[in-house]
Each structure stands twice: as C-alpha cells, then as structure tokens.
Amino acid sequence: MRHLYVGIDAAKDLHVACVIDSAGNPLFGLEFRPDREGLGKLLEKVSVLADKLGAALHFALEATGVYHLPVYVELVNRGYAVKVYNPLQLRGFRKKNLRKTKTDAVDALLIADMLRYEGTPAQRRLPEDILELREYCRARERLIRKLSDVKRQVQRNLSIIFRGYDTLFRDIFCHSSRALLREYTTPEAILALGEKRLAALLKASSRGTLGKEKARRVLKACSAAMTPEHLAEPCVMEIRLLLEQLELLEEQLRAVEGEICRKFEEYEECELFTSARA
C-alpha cells in the first residue's frame, strides 16, 4: 500500500503543511489557519490526493508550546494516525538532513520526512484525562510563578520604606505580618499604634503565639528605620494592592490544586502511584 506523509509546522496564527510520498518527493505545500475551516481545507486536499493514489495518510507535528494541540486533538478525533515530535528529535534529524535552511515550509517538509524515515511508527495517544491533568498542573505552575513575582515586589517595596522588616518575622507573608502590613504599612504608622495595641494585634493574628516581646522588637526596628517620605505613599499603596493579589492568587491556587487532586483520584492508575509512594 502506498503512503502519504503530512508534516505540519504549527505556529500561533498560521500553520504550514507539506505532503510527501513514500520516496520523499514533495507533492504540495499549504498554509492554513489553525481553525476548523483551515484544517478542513487541508484534509479535503490531502484526502482527494490519497484517494487518487490509493494511499494511506499519516500526520506528524512538532510540539510547539500549545499551538499544535488543537490540530493534534482534531486529527486524532477524526481517526487519523498522528505523531508528535519533540523539538530535540527534529533538531537531531535536521543535522543529518541536507536542507539546512530553516523556514516554516522547510520545517514542515522536515517533519514529514522524519515521519517517512521512521516508517510511520505506531502513535502513542495520551489519554484525555492525562492531558487534562497535565494542563491543570501547568496552570498551578503559572500561579506559583505569579505568587513569587508578587512576593518579590512586596519585598522590594519594603526595602525602600522599611529596611530590616524581613528580619522581624520568620516569614513576612505569615498571617501576623500580613495583618500588620495591610493596615499599618510604614514604620511611622506602626509606631503610632504603641506597644499595647501592637501587641494585641499580633496576639490576635497569631493565635496567641506573639505578644509584647515581638511588639517591642518591631517598635525598636521602626524607630531605627529611615523612610523616604516622597516614596512612602506609592510604595504603601502598591504593597496593599499586592497583598490583595496575593490572597486572590492563593485562593486560585487552592482551587486548582483541589481539581488536580480530584482528577488524580479519578485517574484509573492512581492506585499504582499512591501504592508505590507508600
């Protein structure tokens, strides 16, 4: 039986496909938009050619971020054999290839040629629940990066208006520290509280673990701090806004992690992982 190999170079706004035969001869190339209509035009053209030649169709894509995923899923759902290559695999194959020029059309041809060279390997389709779980995990990773960015900005602003604040608490984002920074962000504002009120605030926000001793230490640091007056107001405003963002991101992170746990428990091989860990 004859075979046709379709290599697709996926990008954000435009995909490029190249079709070759079993001898590696390019038959045609086509640019198409990454939507149903664009993919439909490609499939219509390659199907006509495959029927004419009596050939089987095989597709391959490069894993380019997330851009290849919609086309991959649509092709698989339509019953086509689809292979997804890691960029490192293609890079190694490119070094052996005579076509050194790198363009979208050449990349599509290279993808098709690698599929032909491998002899249409059996595709390994990832289960949909694994793809879904992976996407939740990636969302979690992005949220964690955003949390880190927010915390770094808070620390930066505190270094301007209250140098040494990071030495007062084991974690400046603990509940007690946040309660203090939300309402009394500058050394001057904390000093105005006085020892009694500050100790009460710390005690209430720490469930009784902090009190007068911590209050005295904080007030001592406030007395020694130098705050640039012209920078205090914008820094204070941003710190308070960032603390709100921090709480929102943490709430979102808990929601995503809850979904991860739920999806993982539904995964049929969950017991294999949990038993091995135990």
Foldseek 3Di string as FASTA:
>chain_A
DWAKFWFWEFDDFKIKIWIATLVLHTDDIDIFGPDPVRVVVVCVVVVVVCVVVVYAYEYEYEPDPCRCPSVVVVCVVVPHHYYYDYVVVLVVQQVVDPPVDDDNNVSNSSRRVVCSVVPNDGHDDDDPLVVVLVVLVVVLVVLVVVLVVLVVLLVVLCCQQQNPPPVLDPHCLQQLNLQCLLPQNHLVSLVVCPQQNNQVSSCVRVVRPGGNVSSVVSNVSSVVTDHDPVSVVVSSVSSNVSNVVNVVSVVVSVVSVVVSVVSLVVPPCSVVVVVVVD
